[in-house]
Amino acid sequence: MTDPVIAQNGPYPMELEAGEYWWCACGHSKTQPFCDGSHQGTGFNPVQMTLTEKSQVYLCGCKYTSTPPFCDGSHDLLEPDAD
């Protein structure tokens, strides 16, 4: 498996309705931060997220979080030219 593509060097702040979502872990999706199936053949799989009520979330954009799908600030530790 290779490293994920950095889609955005920071979180995606979003207010989402209750429901099931699939977060893109590979960084290739054109519908960031959600999966569009572009991970096929990359060795990455999307991460399922289920919200039971409308919620404000901060979804990871750099794909290096240790708490997927949520941002943990890992983007602050990446080299500036990492993307």
PDB file of N, CA and C in Angstrom:
ATOM      1  N   MET A   1       0.859  -1.183   0.000  1.00  0.00           N
ATOM      2  CA  MET A   1       0.000   0.000   0.000  1.00  0.00           C
ATOM      3  C   MET A   1       0.897   1.234   0.000  1.00  0.00           C
ATOM      4  N   THR A   2       0.524   2.202  -0.775  1.00  0.00           N
ATOM      5  CA  THR A   2       1.251   3.464  -0.826  1.00  0.00           C
ATOM      6  C   THR A   2       0.633   4.448   0.163  1.00  0.00           C
ATOM      7  N   ASP A   3       1.215   5.615   0.242  1.00  0.00           N
ATOM      8  CA  ASP A   3       0.664   6.653   1.108  1.00  0.00           C
ATOM      9  C   ASP A   3      -0.605   7.219   0.482  1.00  0.00           C
ATOM     10  N   PRO A   4      -1.521   7.697   1.324  1.00  0.00           N
ATOM     11  CA  PRO A   4      -2.722   8.333   0.765  1.00  0.00           C
ATOM     12  C   PRO A   4      -2.379   9.665   0.122  1.00  0.00           C
ATOM     13  N   VAL A   5      -3.229  10.111  -0.771  1.00  0.00           N
ATOM     14  CA  VAL A   5      -3.101  11.423  -1.390  1.00  0.00           C
ATOM     15  C   VAL A   5      -3.702  12.444  -0.425  1.00  0.00           C
ATOM     16  N   ILE A   6      -2.992  13.529  -0.199  1.00  0.00           N
ATOM     17  CA  ILE A   6      -3.513  14.592   0.666  1.00  0.00           C
ATOM     18  C   ILE A   6      -4.531  15.387  -0.145  1.00  0.00           C
ATOM     19  N   ALA A   7      -5.794  15.241   0.206  1.00  0.00           N
ATOM     20  CA  ALA A   7      -6.869  15.922  -0.523  1.00  0.00           C
ATOM     21  C   ALA A   7      -6.947  17.397  -0.124  1.00  0.00           C
ATOM     22  N   GLN A   8      -6.687  17.667   1.144  1.00  0.00           N
ATOM     23  CA  GLN A   8      -6.756  19.027   1.686  1.00  0.00           C
ATOM     24  C   GLN A   8      -5.909  19.053   2.940  1.00  0.00           C
ATOM     25  N   ASN A   9      -5.098  20.069   3.106  1.00  0.00           N
ATOM     26  CA  ASN A   9      -4.235  20.154   4.281  1.00  0.00           C
ATOM     27  C   ASN A   9      -4.983  20.817   5.436  1.00  0.00           C
ATOM     28  N   GLY A  10      -6.007  20.147   5.890  1.00  0.00           N
ATOM     29  CA  GLY A  10      -6.846  20.622   6.981  1.00  0.00           C
ATOM     30  C   GLY A  10      -8.159  19.875   6.956  1.00  0.00           C
ATOM     31  N   PRO A  11      -8.984  20.074   7.971  1.00  0.00           N
ATOM     32  CA  PRO A  11     -10.247  19.342   8.041  1.00  0.00           C
ATOM     33  C   PRO A  11     -11.319  19.911   7.120  1.00  0.00           C
ATOM     34  N   TYR A  12     -12.339  19.101   6.909  1.00  0.00           N
ATOM     35  CA  TYR A  12     -13.559  19.526   6.225  1.00  0.00           C
ATOM     36  C   TYR A  12     -14.607  19.736   7.314  1.00  0.00           C
ATOM     37  N   PRO A  13     -14.849  20.982   7.737  1.00  0.00           N
ATOM     38  CA  PRO A  13     -15.901  21.212   8.729  1.00  0.00           C
ATOM     39  C   PRO A  13     -17.265  21.094   8.036  1.00  0.00           C
ATOM     40  N   MET A  14     -18.133  20.274   8.591  1.00  0.00           N
ATOM     41  CA  MET A  14     -19.423  20.021   7.951  1.00  0.00           C
ATOM     42  C   MET A  14     -20.506  19.817   9.003  1.00  0.00           C
ATOM     43  N   GLU A  15     -21.706  20.255   8.672  1.00  0.00           N
ATOM     44  CA  GLU A  15     -22.870  19.915   9.474  1.00  0.00           C
ATOM     45  C   GLU A  15     -23.634  18.875   8.671  1.00  0.00           C
ATOM     46  N   LEU A  16     -23.712  17.669   9.213  1.00  0.00           N
ATOM     47  CA  LEU A  16     -24.321  16.547   8.497  1.00  0.00           C
ATOM     48  C   LEU A  16     -25.581  16.082   9.190  1.00  0.00           C
ATOM     49  N   GLU A  17     -26.526  15.661   8.390  1.00  0.00           N
ATOM     50  CA  GLU A  17     -27.759  15.070   8.907  1.00  0.00           C
ATOM     51  C   GLU A  17     -27.472  13.665   9.427  1.00  0.00           C
ATOM     52  N   ALA A  18     -28.365  13.142  10.243  1.00  0.00           N
ATOM     53  CA  ALA A  18     -28.247  11.757  10.697  1.00  0.00           C
ATOM     54  C   ALA A  18     -28.219  10.847   9.475  1.00  0.00           C
ATOM     55  N   GLY A  19     -27.400   9.832   9.521  1.00  0.00           N
ATOM     56  CA  GLY A  19     -27.317   8.900   8.402  1.00  0.00           C
ATOM     57  C   GLY A  19     -25.971   8.217   8.325  1.00  0.00           C
ATOM     58  N   GLU A  20     -25.807   7.447   7.266  1.00  0.00           N
ATOM     59  CA  GLU A  20     -24.581   6.687   7.039  1.00  0.00           C
ATOM     60  C   GLU A  20     -23.749   7.383   5.968  1.00  0.00           C
ATOM     61  N   TYR A  21     -22.470   7.520   6.234  1.00  0.00           N
ATOM     62  CA  TYR A  21     -21.536   8.169   5.319  1.00  0.00           C
ATOM     63  C   TYR A  21     -20.294   7.296   5.161  1.00  0.00           C
ATOM     64  N   TRP A  22     -19.630   7.453   4.030  1.00  0.00           N
ATOM     65  CA  TRP A  22     -18.386   6.729   3.768  1.00  0.00           C
ATOM     66  C   TRP A  22     -17.297   7.756   3.479  1.00  0.00           C
ATOM     67  N   TRP A  23     -16.330   7.850   4.404  1.00  0.00           N
ATOM     68  CA  TRP A  23     -15.222   8.802   4.297  1.00  0.00           C
ATOM     69  C   TRP A  23     -14.122   8.223   3.416  1.00  0.00           C
ATOM     70  N   CYS A  24     -13.622   9.029   2.514  1.00  0.00           N
ATOM     71  CA  CYS A  24     -12.536   8.628   1.624  1.00  0.00           C
ATOM     72  C   CYS A  24     -11.233   8.559   2.411  1.00  0.00           C
ATOM     73  N   ALA A  25     -10.586   7.398   2.421  1.00  0.00           N
ATOM     74  CA  ALA A  25      -9.311   7.213   3.121  1.00  0.00           C
ATOM     75  C   ALA A  25      -8.108   7.315   2.187  1.00  0.00           C
ATOM     76  N   CYS A  26      -8.340   7.197   0.886  1.00  0.00           N
ATOM     77  CA  CYS A  26      -7.218   7.169  -0.067  1.00  0.00           C
ATOM     78  C   CYS A  26      -6.832   8.545  -0.585  1.00  0.00           C
ATOM     79  N   GLY A  27      -7.780   9.477  -0.606  1.00  0.00           N
ATOM     80  CA  GLY A  27      -7.524  10.818  -1.109  1.00  0.00           C
ATOM     81  C   GLY A  27      -7.787  10.997  -2.591  1.00  0.00           C
ATOM     82  N   HIS A  28      -8.196   9.943  -3.288  1.00  0.00           N
ATOM     83  CA  HIS A  28      -8.417  10.018  -4.735  1.00  0.00           C
ATOM     84  C   HIS A  28      -9.837  10.438  -5.132  1.00  0.00           C
ATOM     85  N   SER A  29     -10.777  10.380  -4.211  1.00  0.00           N
ATOM     86  CA  SER A  29     -12.172  10.677  -4.523  1.00  0.00           C
ATOM     87  C   SER A  29     -12.344  12.097  -5.047  1.00  0.00           C
ATOM     88  N   LYS A  30     -13.205  12.249  -6.026  1.00  0.00           N
ATOM     89  CA  LYS A  30     -13.545  13.571  -6.564  1.00  0.00           C
ATOM     90  C   LYS A  30     -14.666  14.220  -5.759  1.00  0.00           C
ATOM     91  N   THR A  31     -15.229  13.481  -4.796  1.00  0.00           N
ATOM     92  CA  THR A  31     -16.318  13.990  -3.962  1.00  0.00           C
ATOM     93  C   THR A  31     -15.859  14.113  -2.510  1.00  0.00           C
ATOM     94  N   GLN A  32     -14.651  14.626  -2.296  1.00  0.00           N
ATOM     95  CA  GLN A  32     -14.082  14.757  -0.958  1.00  0.00           C
ATOM     96  C   GLN A  32     -15.034  15.488  -0.024  1.00  0.00           C
ATOM     97  N   PRO A  33     -15.090  15.060   1.218  1.00  0.00           N
ATOM     98  CA  PRO A  33     -14.295  14.033   1.860  1.00  0.00           C
ATOM     99  C   PRO A  33     -14.919  12.641   1.800  1.00  0.00           C
ATOM    100  N   PHE A  34     -15.903  12.480   0.916  1.00  0.00           N
ATOM    101  CA  PHE A  34     -16.623  11.217   0.841  1.00  0.00           C
ATOM    102  C   PHE A  34     -16.128  10.339  -0.303  1.00  0.00           C
ATOM    103  N   CYS A  35     -16.304   9.060  -0.163  1.00  0.00           N
ATOM    104  CA  CYS A  35     -15.848   8.074  -1.141  1.00  0.00           C
ATOM    105  C   CYS A  35     -16.694   8.101  -2.407  1.00  0.00           C
ATOM    106  N   ASP A  36     -16.014   7.991  -3.559  1.00  0.00           N
ATOM    107  CA  ASP A  36     -16.716   7.846  -4.838  1.00  0.00           C
ATOM    108  C   ASP A  36     -16.289   6.563  -5.556  1.00  0.00           C
ATOM    109  N   GLY A  37     -15.570   5.688  -4.846  1.00  0.00           N
ATOM    110  CA  GLY A  37     -15.127   4.424  -5.429  1.00  0.00           C
ATOM    111  C   GLY A  37     -13.742   4.487  -6.054  1.00  0.00           C
ATOM    112  N   SER A  38     -13.095   5.636  -6.022  1.00  0.00           N
ATOM    113  CA  SER A  38     -11.775   5.792  -6.641  1.00  0.00           C
ATOM    114  C   SER A  38     -10.675   4.994  -5.953  1.00  0.00           C
ATOM    115  N   HIS A  39     -10.955   4.427  -4.793  1.00  0.00           N
ATOM    116  CA  HIS A  39      -9.949   3.658  -4.059  1.00  0.00           C
ATOM    117  C   HIS A  39      -9.669   2.291  -4.680  1.00  0.00           C
ATOM    118  N   GLN A  40     -10.476   1.875  -5.633  1.00  0.00           N
ATOM    119  CA  GLN A  40     -10.307   0.551  -6.235  1.00  0.00           C
ATOM    120  C   GLN A  40      -8.864   0.371  -6.706  1.00  0.00           C
ATOM    121  N   GLY A  41      -8.203  -0.675  -6.211  1.00  0.00           N
ATOM    122  CA  GLY A  41      -6.833  -0.989  -6.595  1.00  0.00           C
ATOM    123  C   GLY A  41      -5.760  -0.233  -5.835  1.00  0.00           C
ATOM    124  N   THR A  42      -6.154   0.612  -4.865  1.00  0.00           N
ATOM    125  CA  THR A  42      -5.157   1.393  -4.122  1.00  0.00           C
ATOM    126  C   THR A  42      -4.705   0.716  -2.839  1.00  0.00           C
ATOM    127  N   GLY A  43      -5.466  -0.276  -2.365  1.00  0.00           N
ATOM    128  CA  GLY A  43      -5.172  -0.896  -1.079  1.00  0.00           C
ATOM    129  C   GLY A  43      -5.869  -0.193   0.082  1.00  0.00           C
ATOM    130  N   PHE A  44      -6.564   0.893  -0.209  1.00  0.00           N
ATOM    131  CA  PHE A  44      -7.315   1.624   0.813  1.00  0.00           C
ATOM    132  C   PHE A  44      -8.788   1.266   0.716  1.00  0.00           C
ATOM    133  N   ASN A  45      -9.482   1.397   1.834  1.00  0.00           N
ATOM    134  CA  ASN A  45     -10.928   1.206   1.876  1.00  0.00           C
ATOM    135  C   ASN A  45     -11.555   2.394   2.585  1.00  0.00           C
ATOM    136  N   PRO A  46     -12.757   2.790   2.177  1.00  0.00           N
ATOM    137  CA  PRO A  46     -13.424   3.902   2.861  1.00  0.00           C
ATOM    138  C   PRO A  46     -13.800   3.506   4.284  1.00  0.00           C
ATOM    139  N   VAL A  47     -14.015   4.515   5.106  1.00  0.00           N
ATOM    140  CA  VAL A  47     -14.383   4.313   6.510  1.00  0.00           C
ATOM    141  C   VAL A  47     -15.846   4.703   6.682  1.00  0.00           C
ATOM    142  N   GLN A  48     -16.622   3.771   7.218  1.00  0.00           N
ATOM    143  CA  GLN A  48     -18.041   4.026   7.455  1.00  0.00           C
ATOM    144  C   GLN A  48     -18.218   4.889   8.701  1.00  0.00           C
ATOM    145  N   MET A  49     -19.125   5.851   8.604  1.00  0.00           N
ATOM    146  CA  MET A  49     -19.454   6.721   9.720  1.00  0.00           C
ATOM    147  C   MET A  49     -20.974   6.800   9.786  1.00  0.00           C
ATOM    148  N   THR A  50     -21.540   6.529  10.951  1.00  0.00           N
ATOM    149  CA  THR A  50     -22.980   6.610  11.142  1.00  0.00           C
ATOM    150  C   THR A  50     -23.283   7.664  12.198  1.00  0.00           C
ATOM    151  N   LEU A  51     -24.083   8.632  11.821  1.00  0.00           N
ATOM    152  CA  LEU A  51     -24.510   9.670  12.755  1.00  0.00           C
ATOM    153  C   LEU A  51     -25.958   9.411  13.141  1.00  0.00           C
ATOM    154  N   THR A  52     -26.251   9.466  14.423  1.00  0.00           N
ATOM    155  CA  THR A  52     -27.613   9.215  14.896  1.00  0.00           C
ATOM    156  C   THR A  52     -28.434  10.497  14.997  1.00  0.00           C
ATOM    157  N   GLU A  53     -27.754  11.636  14.879  1.00  0.00           N
ATOM    158  CA  GLU A  53     -28.450  12.925  14.891  1.00  0.00           C
ATOM    159  C   GLU A  53     -27.628  13.929  14.096  1.00  0.00           C
ATOM    160  N   LYS A  54     -28.255  15.021  13.717  1.00  0.00           N
ATOM    161  CA  LYS A  54     -27.559  16.079  12.995  1.00  0.00           C
ATOM    162  C   LYS A  54     -26.368  16.519  13.834  1.00  0.00           C
ATOM    163  N   SER A  55     -25.177  16.594  13.212  1.00  0.00           N
ATOM    164  CA  SER A  55     -23.951  16.866  13.964  1.00  0.00           C
ATOM    165  C   SER A  55     -22.981  17.738  13.185  1.00  0.00           C
ATOM    166  N   GLN A  56     -22.223  18.545  13.909  1.00  0.00           N
ATOM    167  CA  GLN A  56     -21.090  19.282  13.347  1.00  0.00           C
ATOM    168  C   GLN A  56     -19.879  18.361  13.463  1.00  0.00           C
ATOM    169  N   VAL A  57     -19.224  18.083  12.352  1.00  0.00           N
ATOM    170  CA  VAL A  57     -18.053  17.200  12.348  1.00  0.00           C
ATOM    171  C   VAL A  57     -16.902  17.880  11.611  1.00  0.00           C
ATOM    172  N   TYR A  58     -15.712  17.414  11.892  1.00  0.00           N
ATOM    173  CA  TYR A  58     -14.499  17.886  11.221  1.00  0.00           C
ATOM    174  C   TYR A  58     -13.819  16.659  10.639  1.00  0.00           C
ATOM    175  N   LEU A  59     -14.064  16.412   9.364  1.00  0.00           N
ATOM    176  CA  LEU A  59     -13.544  15.216   8.711  1.00  0.00           C
ATOM    177  C   LEU A  59     -12.142  15.479   8.177  1.00  0.00           C
ATOM    178  N   CYS A  60     -11.268  14.512   8.358  1.00  0.00           N
ATOM    179  CA  CYS A  60      -9.867  14.650   7.972  1.00  0.00           C
ATOM    180  C   CYS A  60      -9.727  14.838   6.464  1.00  0.00           C
ATOM    181  N   GLY A  61      -8.922  15.820   6.080  1.00  0.00           N
ATOM    182  CA  GLY A  61      -8.644  16.072   4.671  1.00  0.00           C
ATOM    183  C   GLY A  61      -7.276  15.571   4.242  1.00  0.00           C
ATOM    184  N   CYS A  62      -6.343  15.448   5.206  1.00  0.00           N
ATOM    185  CA  CYS A  62      -4.981  15.034   4.846  1.00  0.00           C
ATOM    186  C   CYS A  62      -4.848  13.521   4.751  1.00  0.00           C
ATOM    187  N   LYS A  63      -5.783  12.785   5.338  1.00  0.00           N
ATOM    188  CA  LYS A  63      -5.842  11.318   5.316  1.00  0.00           C
ATOM    189  C   LYS A  63      -4.810  10.658   6.230  1.00  0.00           C
ATOM    190  N   TYR A  64      -4.141  11.426   7.084  1.00  0.00           N
ATOM    191  CA  TYR A  64      -3.137  10.881   8.002  1.00  0.00           C
ATOM    192  C   TYR A  64      -3.618  10.843   9.450  1.00  0.00           C
ATOM    193  N   THR A  65      -4.899  11.105   9.691  1.00  0.00           N
ATOM    194  CA  THR A  65      -5.436  11.100  11.044  1.00  0.00           C
ATOM    195  C   THR A  65      -5.287   9.727  11.715  1.00  0.00           C
ATOM    196  N   SER A  66      -5.130   9.733  13.025  1.00  0.00           N
ATOM    197  CA  SER A  66      -5.123   8.473  13.771  1.00  0.00           C
ATOM    198  C   SER A  66      -6.513   8.162  14.313  1.00  0.00           C
ATOM    199  N   THR A  67      -7.481   9.039  14.006  1.00  0.00           N
ATOM    200  CA  THR A  67      -8.867   8.858  14.462  1.00  0.00           C
ATOM    201  C   THR A  67      -9.837   8.957  13.283  1.00  0.00           C
ATOM    202  N   PRO A  68      -9.631   8.148  12.233  1.00  0.00           N
ATOM    203  CA  PRO A  68     -10.488   8.267  11.045  1.00  0.00           C
ATOM    204  C   PRO A  68     -11.954   8.029  11.379  1.00  0.00           C
ATOM    205  N   PRO A  69     -12.851   8.791  10.816  1.00  0.00           N
ATOM    206  CA  PRO A  69     -12.668   9.768   9.755  1.00  0.00           C
ATOM    207  C   PRO A  69     -12.425  11.197  10.252  1.00  0.00           C
ATOM    208  N   PHE A  70     -12.247  11.350  11.558  1.00  0.00           N
ATOM    209  CA  PHE A  70     -12.200  12.686  12.144  1.00  0.00           C
ATOM    210  C   PHE A  70     -10.781  13.261  12.182  1.00  0.00           C
ATOM    211  N   CYS A  71     -10.689  14.554  12.006  1.00  0.00           N
ATOM    212  CA  CYS A  71      -9.415  15.259  12.060  1.00  0.00           C
ATOM    213  C   CYS A  71      -8.852  15.201  13.479  1.00  0.00           C
ATOM    214  N   ASP A  72      -7.557  14.902  13.588  1.00  0.00           N
ATOM    215  CA  ASP A  72      -6.881  14.926  14.885  1.00  0.00           C
ATOM    216  C   ASP A  72      -5.717  15.916  14.887  1.00  0.00           C
ATOM    217  N   GLY A  73      -5.621  16.754  13.855  1.00  0.00           N
ATOM    218  CA  GLY A  73      -4.553  17.735  13.770  1.00  0.00           C
ATOM    219  C   GLY A  73      -3.292  17.220  13.105  1.00  0.00           C
ATOM    220  N   SER A  74      -3.311  15.993  12.584  1.00  0.00           N
ATOM    221  CA  SER A  74      -2.125  15.424  11.946  1.00  0.00           C
ATOM    222  C   SER A  74      -1.605  16.278  10.803  1.00  0.00           C
ATOM    223  N   HIS A  75      -2.483  17.039  10.145  1.00  0.00           N
ATOM    224  CA  HIS A  75      -2.053  17.881   9.028  1.00  0.00           C
ATOM    225  C   HIS A  75      -1.007  18.906   9.472  1.00  0.00           C
ATOM    226  N   ASP A  76      -1.018  19.275  10.756  1.00  0.00           N
ATOM    227  CA  ASP A  76      -0.031  20.230  11.274  1.00  0.00           C
ATOM    228  C   ASP A  76       1.373  19.630  11.339  1.00  0.00           C
ATOM    229  N   LEU A  77       1.463  18.308  11.320  1.00  0.00           N
ATOM    230  CA  LEU A  77       2.757  17.628  11.432  1.00  0.00           C
ATOM    231  C   LEU A  77       3.349  17.249  10.080  1.00  0.00           C
ATOM    232  N   LEU A  78       2.594  17.433   9.007  1.00  0.00           N
ATOM    233  CA  LEU A  78       3.061  17.069   7.679  1.00  0.00           C
ATOM    234  C   LEU A  78       4.035  18.102   7.140  1.00  0.00           C
ATOM    235  N   GLU A  79       4.974  17.643   6.334  1.00  0.00           N
ATOM    236  CA  GLU A  79       5.901  18.561   5.678  1.00  0.00           C
ATOM    237  C   GLU A  79       5.104  19.469   4.739  1.00  0.00           C
ATOM    238  N   PRO A  80       5.469  20.736   4.619  1.00  0.00           N
ATOM    239  CA  PRO A  80       4.718  21.667   3.772  1.00  0.00           C
ATOM    240  C   PRO A  80       4.600  21.202   2.328  1.00  0.00           C
ATOM    241  N   ASP A  81       5.593  20.484   1.813  1.00  0.00           N
ATOM    242  CA  ASP A  81       5.550  20.036   0.423  1.00  0.00           C
ATOM    243  C   ASP A  81       5.085  18.594   0.281  1.00  0.00           C
ATOM    244  N   ALA A  82       4.451  18.041   1.361  1.00  0.00           N
ATOM    245  CA  ALA A  82       4.030  16.637   1.351  1.00  0.00           C
ATOM    246  C   ALA A  82       2.919  16.373   0.346  1.00  0.00           C
ATOM    247  N   ASP A  83       2.180  17.404  -0.037  1.00  0.00           N
ATOM    248  CA  ASP A  83       1.099  17.174  -1.000  1.00  0.00           C
ATOM    249  C   ASP A  83       1.545  17.617  -2.360  1.00  0.00           C
TER     250      ASP A  83
END
